[in-house]
Amino acid sequence: MRDDTPSLFDVSGSGQTHGRFEPARLTQARVRRSVTKTDLAAEVGVSAAAIGQYEAGVNSPRTDVLDRLAKALDVRPGFFDVGRPLARIDTVNAHFRSLRSARVSDRQKALAMATLVWELTFALERHVKLPEADLPEVRPGSSPAEAAALLRRHWDLPDGPIKHLVATAESHGIVVAVRPLAEIDAVDAFSVVIVDRPIVITTPRRTENVFRHRFSIAHEIGHLLLHSDFGEHSAAVEKEADEFAAAFLTPASSMDAALPQRLDLAALDRLGRKWGVSPTSLIRRMVERGRTTESSARRAYQRLSAVYDSKADPTSAYPGEVPKLLRKAADLAGDHGAPVPVLAQSLKISPAQVRDLLGEIDERPVLRLVGGD
């Protein structure tokens, strides 16, 4: 009996399938653009029921409708073809940083974007050998601190501060991308594994402060290690990821030697800059290590909020925390016959969209035409 159940990863080895319509592609493109079936139907001149039938695989759009769908969703008509690698968003499990405000549609939009990041990674790997994913297997029942210590040993990290966390993660095969707030505003940050490739997505709201950015990246790595089999999101799971991030960035043994004996905000600020963490996280660490009480910590948080500028340390000032893996891979691919237009053709999107996925900022001046009298 033949099993027609869609899988996470589909790629056809036969050229005979080229040109056939792939329903999941329409869903991916529509959800990524936050377009409802009704609005898309009105734009392309069909019924909302027809869009639903296309996505369900009941019917396939005519060629003229396919062209209008592609124009409406800002992709090439070939984007909807069968035969290219496809990670279906309905089978991808992700860990989202924001639990309360994110609607199902917000998460689906984020996943649709993540699957496109993965497709770009896959396309680059046809031309450039990227670092292989290198995450250790964590024994079931391990605590966040044990998992953090395991990862430090596995990655052969020194006992001290991790100077360039994002660069370190990328060197071990984790794809890191910063996406505009408009794409994943409600989600904020999340992690996912697609066909053995771990991907961490974050936003400028996280990256505007380097300490928050580093903690978010470590938090998502914690999810990748501890919660790969978890299908449900909960406050308890988020708490474990936070505990992992704290243990990974500031190991208990090192903190026992480095933390001041009493709450001293100036000393914590200096220590935080050395370890790449915020004074707030160090206050929490002092509570955890028995150096201060919860009530004293609350008063310290209040004093800190009055004097601490959360935007004082922009990530751009710390080159090791700016994602570069995909961009460097694209540069290398371009040097070997696969520039951005070739990648765009492979993905069936525009070169401008590829550059956007690579994190390139279009710094060209905008030409504005003003009509005469």
Protein backbone atom coordinates (compact mmCIF):
# COMPACT_ATOMS: atom_id res chain seq x y z
CA MET A 1 0.00 0.00 0.00
CA ARG A 2 1.44 3.35 -1.05
CA ASP A 3 1.92 6.00 1.61
CA ASP A 4 1.01 9.47 0.29
CA THR A 5 1.42 11.23 3.63
CA PRO A 6 3.37 14.48 3.09
CA SER A 7 6.78 14.47 4.73
CA LEU A 8 8.84 17.29 6.20
CA PHE A 9 11.34 17.17 3.37
CA ASP A 10 10.29 16.56 -0.20
CA VAL A 11 12.57 16.64 -3.20
CA SER A 12 11.93 14.77 -6.39
CA GLY A 13 14.71 13.01 -8.18
CA SER A 14 12.81 12.93 -11.47
CA GLY A 15 12.71 15.77 -13.92
CA GLN A 16 9.31 14.49 -15.11
CA THR A 17 7.59 16.23 -12.20
CA HIS A 18 8.82 19.68 -13.22
CA GLY A 19 5.96 22.08 -13.86
CA ARG A 20 3.34 20.31 -11.75
CA PHE A 21 1.69 22.41 -9.07
CA GLU A 22 2.80 21.94 -5.44
CA PRO A 23 -0.04 22.99 -3.09
CA ALA A 24 2.28 23.50 -0.09
CA ARG A 25 4.19 26.15 -2.05
CA LEU A 26 1.09 28.30 -2.33
CA THR A 27 0.50 28.00 1.40
CA GLN A 28 4.12 28.90 2.13
CA ALA A 29 4.06 31.99 -0.09
CA ARG A 30 0.66 33.18 1.09
CA VAL A 31 1.33 32.70 4.80
CA ARG A 32 4.73 34.39 4.56
CA ARG A 33 3.03 37.47 3.11
CA SER A 34 0.25 37.40 5.75
CA VAL A 35 -2.39 37.29 3.03
CA THR A 36 -5.72 35.63 3.76
CA LYS A 37 -7.29 33.26 1.26
CA THR A 38 -10.12 35.73 0.78
CA ASP A 39 -7.82 38.68 0.04
CA LEU A 40 -5.63 36.62 -2.28
CA ALA A 41 -8.70 35.34 -4.12
CA ALA A 42 -9.95 38.90 -4.67
CA GLU A 43 -6.55 39.99 -6.00
CA VAL A 44 -6.19 37.17 -8.52
CA GLY A 45 -9.84 37.00 -9.56
CA VAL A 46 -10.95 33.63 -8.20
CA SER A 47 -13.07 32.54 -5.25
CA ALA A 48 -11.73 31.97 -1.75
CA ALA A 49 -12.96 28.39 -2.09
CA ALA A 50 -10.74 28.01 -5.17
CA ILE A 51 -7.68 29.12 -3.17
CA GLY A 52 -8.59 26.58 -0.52
CA GLN A 53 -8.87 23.87 -3.15
CA TYR A 54 -5.48 24.79 -4.61
CA GLU A 55 -3.83 24.54 -1.20
CA ALA A 56 -5.62 21.29 -0.40
CA GLY A 57 -4.47 19.76 -3.68
CA VAL A 58 -8.04 19.24 -4.89
CA ASN A 59 -7.54 21.40 -7.98
CA SER A 60 -4.61 23.10 -9.66
CA PRO A 61 -4.70 26.69 -10.93
CA ARG A 62 -4.73 27.42 -14.64
CA THR A 63 -1.59 28.95 -16.11
CA ASP A 64 -3.05 32.46 -16.17
CA VAL A 65 -4.19 32.15 -12.54
CA LEU A 66 -0.78 30.80 -11.58
CA ASP A 67 0.86 33.87 -13.10
CA ARG A 68 -1.45 36.16 -11.12
CA LEU A 69 -0.77 34.21 -7.92
CA ALA A 70 2.96 34.61 -8.46
CA LYS A 71 2.61 38.36 -9.04
CA ALA A 72 0.40 38.81 -5.98
CA LEU A 73 2.80 36.88 -3.73
CA ASP A 74 6.01 38.34 -5.21
CA VAL A 75 7.49 35.07 -6.46
CA ARG A 76 8.20 33.61 -9.86
CA PRO A 77 5.58 31.27 -11.36
CA GLY A 78 8.11 28.43 -11.09
CA PHE A 79 8.02 28.86 -7.31
CA PHE A 80 4.91 26.67 -7.27
CA ASP A 81 6.49 23.82 -9.24
CA VAL A 82 7.00 20.33 -7.84
CA GLY A 83 10.58 19.07 -7.82
CA ARG A 84 12.49 21.47 -5.54
CA PRO A 85 13.42 20.88 -1.90
CA LEU A 86 10.47 21.77 0.30
CA ALA A 87 10.12 21.87 4.06
CA ARG A 88 6.39 21.91 4.81
CA ILE A 89 5.48 24.45 7.45
CA ASP A 90 2.72 22.21 8.83
CA THR A 91 5.27 19.55 9.81
CA VAL A 92 7.98 21.80 11.27
CA ASN A 93 8.24 22.03 15.06
CA ALA A 94 9.68 25.25 16.47
CA HIS A 95 10.28 26.83 19.87
CA PHE A 96 8.98 30.38 20.04
CA ARG A 97 10.38 33.00 22.42
CA SER A 98 7.00 34.72 22.83
CA LEU A 99 4.15 32.54 24.11
CA ARG A 100 1.38 34.90 25.11
CA SER A 101 1.06 37.33 22.22
CA ALA A 102 1.80 35.07 19.27
CA ARG A 103 -1.23 33.84 17.39
CA VAL A 104 -1.20 30.68 15.29
CA SER A 105 -1.05 32.85 12.17
CA ASP A 106 1.99 34.70 13.58
CA ARG A 107 3.82 31.42 14.14
CA GLN A 108 2.89 30.09 10.72
CA LYS A 109 4.21 33.26 9.11
CA ALA A 110 7.48 32.90 11.02
CA LEU A 111 7.78 29.25 10.01
CA ALA A 112 7.12 30.09 6.36
CA MET A 113 10.00 32.56 6.52
CA ALA A 114 12.24 30.03 8.29
CA THR A 115 11.58 27.40 5.63
CA LEU A 116 12.73 29.90 3.00
CA VAL A 117 15.90 30.58 5.01
CA TRP A 118 16.47 26.83 5.07
CA GLU A 119 15.93 26.60 1.29
CA LEU A 120 18.52 29.32 0.78
CA THR A 121 20.92 27.37 3.02
CA PHE A 122 20.22 24.22 1.00
CA ALA A 123 20.81 26.10 -2.28
CA LEU A 124 24.11 27.47 -0.99
CA GLU A 125 25.23 24.00 0.05
CA ARG A 126 25.13 22.94 -3.56
CA HIS A 127 28.06 25.28 -4.14
CA VAL A 128 29.73 25.74 -0.74
CA LYS A 129 30.46 23.27 2.04
CA LEU A 130 28.96 24.81 5.17
CA PRO A 131 29.94 23.73 8.68
CA GLU A 132 28.04 20.60 9.66
CA ALA A 133 25.55 20.85 12.50
CA ASP A 134 27.51 19.97 15.61
CA LEU A 135 25.26 19.64 18.64
CA PRO A 136 25.85 16.89 21.19
CA GLU A 137 23.13 14.47 22.20
CA VAL A 138 21.86 15.35 25.65
CA ARG A 139 20.96 12.45 27.92
CA PRO A 140 17.24 12.43 28.79
CA GLY A 141 16.62 13.94 32.20
CA SER A 142 19.71 16.15 32.11
CA SER A 143 19.38 19.51 33.81
CA PRO A 144 19.90 22.75 31.86
CA ALA A 145 23.20 23.29 33.70
CA GLU A 146 24.40 19.79 32.75
CA ALA A 147 23.45 20.40 29.12
CA ALA A 148 25.30 23.73 29.16
CA ALA A 149 28.44 22.12 30.57
CA LEU A 150 28.18 19.33 27.97
CA LEU A 151 27.98 21.83 25.12
CA ARG A 152 30.97 23.80 26.41
CA ARG A 153 33.00 20.58 26.49
CA HIS A 154 31.71 19.44 23.10
CA TRP A 155 32.61 22.75 21.48
CA ASP A 156 35.91 22.85 23.38
CA LEU A 157 35.17 26.28 24.84
CA PRO A 158 37.45 27.77 27.51
CA ASP A 159 36.22 28.23 31.07
CA GLY A 160 35.93 31.99 30.67
CA PRO A 161 33.59 34.23 28.68
CA ILE A 162 32.38 33.20 25.23
CA LYS A 163 33.63 36.20 23.29
CA HIS A 164 31.73 35.70 20.04
CA LEU A 165 28.62 33.62 20.64
CA VAL A 166 26.96 33.99 17.24
CA ALA A 167 30.20 33.35 15.38
CA THR A 168 30.79 30.30 17.57
CA ALA A 169 27.29 28.97 16.90
CA GLU A 170 27.67 29.53 13.15
CA SER A 171 31.04 27.77 13.13
CA HIS A 172 29.21 24.73 14.51
CA GLY A 173 26.57 24.70 11.80
CA ILE A 174 23.78 26.74 13.40
CA VAL A 175 22.28 29.19 10.93
CA VAL A 176 21.47 32.51 12.63
CA ALA A 177 19.31 35.12 10.94
CA VAL A 178 17.96 38.48 12.05
CA ARG A 179 14.63 39.25 10.41
CA PRO A 180 12.64 42.51 10.37
CA LEU A 181 10.04 43.05 13.07
CA ALA A 182 7.34 43.22 10.40
CA GLU A 183 7.93 39.54 9.66
CA ILE A 184 8.03 38.07 13.16
CA ASP A 185 7.08 40.92 15.48
CA ALA A 186 4.76 38.88 17.70
CA VAL A 187 7.11 35.89 17.78
CA ASP A 188 10.28 37.88 18.52
CA ALA A 189 12.71 34.93 18.40
CA PHE A 190 12.52 31.20 17.77
CA SER A 191 14.52 28.13 16.81
CA VAL A 192 13.82 25.21 14.55
CA VAL A 193 15.59 22.21 13.04
CA ILE A 194 14.84 21.52 9.37
CA VAL A 195 16.40 18.42 7.84
CA ASP A 196 19.16 18.32 10.47
CA ARG A 197 20.01 22.01 10.04
CA PRO A 198 19.43 24.06 13.24
CA ILE A 199 18.19 27.58 12.58
CA VAL A 200 17.83 30.43 15.06
CA ILE A 201 15.79 33.47 14.08
CA THR A 202 15.72 36.71 16.03
CA THR A 203 14.68 40.33 15.51
CA PRO A 204 16.17 43.82 15.88
CA ARG A 205 14.26 44.12 19.16
CA ARG A 206 16.59 41.43 20.50
CA THR A 207 19.73 42.62 18.73
CA GLU A 208 19.47 46.29 19.73
CA ASN A 209 21.24 45.33 22.94
CA VAL A 210 24.15 42.93 22.64
CA PHE A 211 23.60 41.37 26.06
CA ARG A 212 19.95 40.62 25.34
CA HIS A 213 20.92 39.32 21.91
CA ARG A 214 23.51 36.93 23.30
CA PHE A 215 21.14 35.65 25.96
CA SER A 216 18.42 35.08 23.33
CA ILE A 217 20.79 33.11 21.11
CA ALA A 218 21.92 30.99 24.07
CA HIS A 219 18.27 30.51 25.06
CA GLU A 220 17.43 29.16 21.59
CA ILE A 221 20.46 26.86 21.61
CA GLY A 222 19.10 25.53 24.88
CA HIS A 223 15.83 24.69 23.15
CA LEU A 224 17.71 22.92 20.36
CA LEU A 225 19.54 20.74 22.87
CA LEU A 226 16.89 20.15 25.52
CA HIS A 227 13.57 20.26 23.71
CA SER A 228 14.03 18.70 20.30
CA ASP A 229 11.18 16.26 20.99
CA PHE A 230 8.85 18.71 22.72
CA GLY A 231 5.76 19.51 20.70
CA GLU A 232 4.18 21.83 23.25
CA HIS A 233 5.29 25.26 24.40
CA SER A 234 5.06 26.12 28.06
CA ALA A 235 6.42 28.47 30.68
CA ALA A 236 8.35 25.55 32.17
CA VAL A 237 10.11 24.86 28.87
CA GLU A 238 10.98 28.55 28.51
CA LYS A 239 12.34 28.60 32.06
CA GLU A 240 14.62 25.66 31.28
CA ALA A 241 15.95 27.45 28.21
CA ASP A 242 16.65 30.53 30.36
CA GLU A 243 18.48 28.38 32.90
CA PHE A 244 20.53 26.85 30.10
CA ALA A 245 21.46 30.29 28.75
CA ALA A 246 22.59 31.48 32.18
CA ALA A 247 24.63 28.34 32.82
CA PHE A 248 26.15 28.41 29.33
CA LEU A 249 27.15 32.08 29.36
CA THR A 250 28.04 32.29 33.06
CA PRO A 251 28.98 28.84 34.46
CA ALA A 252 28.36 28.47 38.18
CA SER A 253 31.96 27.59 39.02
CA SER A 254 33.25 30.72 37.30
CA MET A 255 30.57 32.91 38.84
CA ASP A 256 31.34 31.66 42.33
CA ALA A 257 34.82 33.07 41.90
CA ALA A 258 33.85 36.23 40.01
CA LEU A 259 30.66 37.57 41.60
CA PRO A 260 31.03 40.23 44.27
CA GLN A 261 30.18 39.31 47.85
CA ARG A 262 27.50 41.98 48.00
CA LEU A 263 25.29 43.77 45.49
CA ASP A 264 27.48 46.35 43.79
CA LEU A 265 25.96 47.62 40.54
CA ALA A 266 29.21 49.18 39.33
CA ALA A 267 31.07 45.91 39.89
CA LEU A 268 28.30 43.95 38.17
CA ASP A 269 28.41 46.31 35.19
CA ARG A 270 32.16 45.73 34.81
CA LEU A 271 31.72 41.98 35.21
CA GLY A 272 28.85 41.95 32.73
CA ARG A 273 30.94 43.65 30.04
CA LYS A 274 33.68 41.08 30.56
CA TRP A 275 31.30 38.12 30.27
CA GLY A 276 28.94 39.61 27.71
CA VAL A 277 25.84 39.53 29.91
CA SER A 278 23.62 42.20 31.43
CA PRO A 279 23.89 43.37 35.06
CA THR A 280 20.29 42.18 35.44
CA SER A 281 21.26 38.61 34.62
CA LEU A 282 24.17 38.80 37.06
CA ILE A 283 21.84 39.94 39.83
CA ARG A 284 19.73 36.86 39.11
CA ARG A 285 22.92 34.79 39.18
CA MET A 286 23.78 36.20 42.62
CA VAL A 287 20.39 35.03 43.90
CA GLU A 288 20.93 31.59 42.40
CA ARG A 289 24.41 31.30 43.92
CA GLY A 290 23.22 32.43 47.36
CA ARG A 291 25.04 35.78 47.30
CA THR A 292 21.90 37.86 47.85
CA THR A 293 18.18 37.56 48.61
CA GLU A 294 15.16 37.96 46.37
CA SER A 295 14.11 41.13 48.18
CA SER A 296 17.56 42.68 47.79
CA ALA A 297 17.56 41.67 44.12
CA ARG A 298 14.21 43.41 43.55
CA ARG A 299 15.57 46.64 45.02
CA ALA A 300 18.67 46.29 42.83
CA TYR A 301 16.49 45.83 39.74
CA GLN A 302 14.67 49.06 40.60
CA ARG A 303 17.91 50.99 41.01
CA LEU A 304 19.26 49.50 37.81
CA SER A 305 16.18 50.43 35.77
CA ALA A 306 16.71 54.05 36.74
CA VAL A 307 20.29 54.24 35.47
CA TYR A 308 20.79 51.44 32.93
CA ASP A 309 20.45 52.25 29.22
CA SER A 310 19.29 49.08 27.49
CA LYS A 311 20.47 50.44 24.11
CA ALA A 312 23.94 51.40 25.30
CA ASP A 313 25.61 48.41 23.63
CA PRO A 314 24.33 47.95 20.07
CA THR A 315 25.14 44.57 18.54
CA SER A 316 26.68 46.21 15.49
CA ALA A 317 29.56 47.31 17.72
CA TYR A 318 30.36 43.64 18.39
CA PRO A 319 31.26 42.03 15.04
CA GLY A 320 31.28 38.54 16.56
CA GLU A 321 27.56 38.81 17.31
CA VAL A 322 26.43 39.79 13.81
CA PRO A 323 25.37 36.73 11.72
CA LYS A 324 27.70 36.24 8.75
CA LEU A 325 27.50 32.56 7.77
CA LEU A 326 24.96 32.88 4.95
CA ARG A 327 26.44 36.08 3.59
CA LYS A 328 29.98 34.68 3.51
CA ALA A 329 28.68 31.49 1.91
CA ALA A 330 26.93 33.56 -0.76
CA ASP A 331 30.11 35.53 -1.44
CA LEU A 332 32.04 32.28 -1.84
CA ALA A 333 29.33 30.79 -4.04
CA GLY A 334 29.47 33.91 -6.21
CA ASP A 335 33.20 33.49 -6.63
CA HIS A 336 32.58 29.97 -7.91
CA GLY A 337 29.88 30.60 -10.48
CA ALA A 338 26.73 30.96 -8.38
CA PRO A 339 26.08 34.66 -7.73
CA VAL A 340 22.87 35.97 -6.21
CA PRO A 341 20.88 35.86 -9.50
CA VAL A 342 21.69 32.14 -9.80
CA LEU A 343 20.53 31.53 -6.24
CA ALA A 344 17.38 33.53 -6.95
CA GLN A 345 16.66 31.41 -10.00
CA SER A 346 17.10 28.27 -7.92
CA LEU A 347 14.68 29.54 -5.25
CA LYS A 348 12.29 31.09 -7.79
CA ILE A 349 12.29 34.45 -6.06
CA SER A 350 13.84 37.80 -6.91
CA PRO A 351 17.54 38.63 -6.35
CA ALA A 352 16.41 41.43 -4.02
CA GLN A 353 14.63 38.88 -1.81
CA VAL A 354 17.74 36.68 -1.72
CA ARG A 355 19.86 39.63 -0.64
CA ASP A 356 17.30 40.39 2.05
CA LEU A 357 17.47 36.81 3.35
CA LEU A 358 21.26 37.11 3.40
CA GLY A 359 20.95 40.11 5.68
CA GLU A 360 22.24 42.62 3.15
CA ILE A 361 20.94 46.15 3.63
CA ASP A 362 19.96 48.03 0.49
CA GLU A 363 21.71 51.35 1.04
CA ARG A 364 20.88 52.83 -2.36
CA PRO A 365 19.13 56.23 -2.24
CA VAL A 366 15.45 56.14 -3.08
CA LEU A 367 14.40 58.03 -6.21
CA ARG A 368 11.13 59.87 -5.69
CA LEU A 369 9.41 61.53 -8.64
CA VAL A 370 7.29 64.58 -7.96
CA GLY A 371 4.70 65.53 -10.53
CA GLY A 372 4.85 68.99 -12.04
CA ASP A 373 2.11 71.59 -12.09
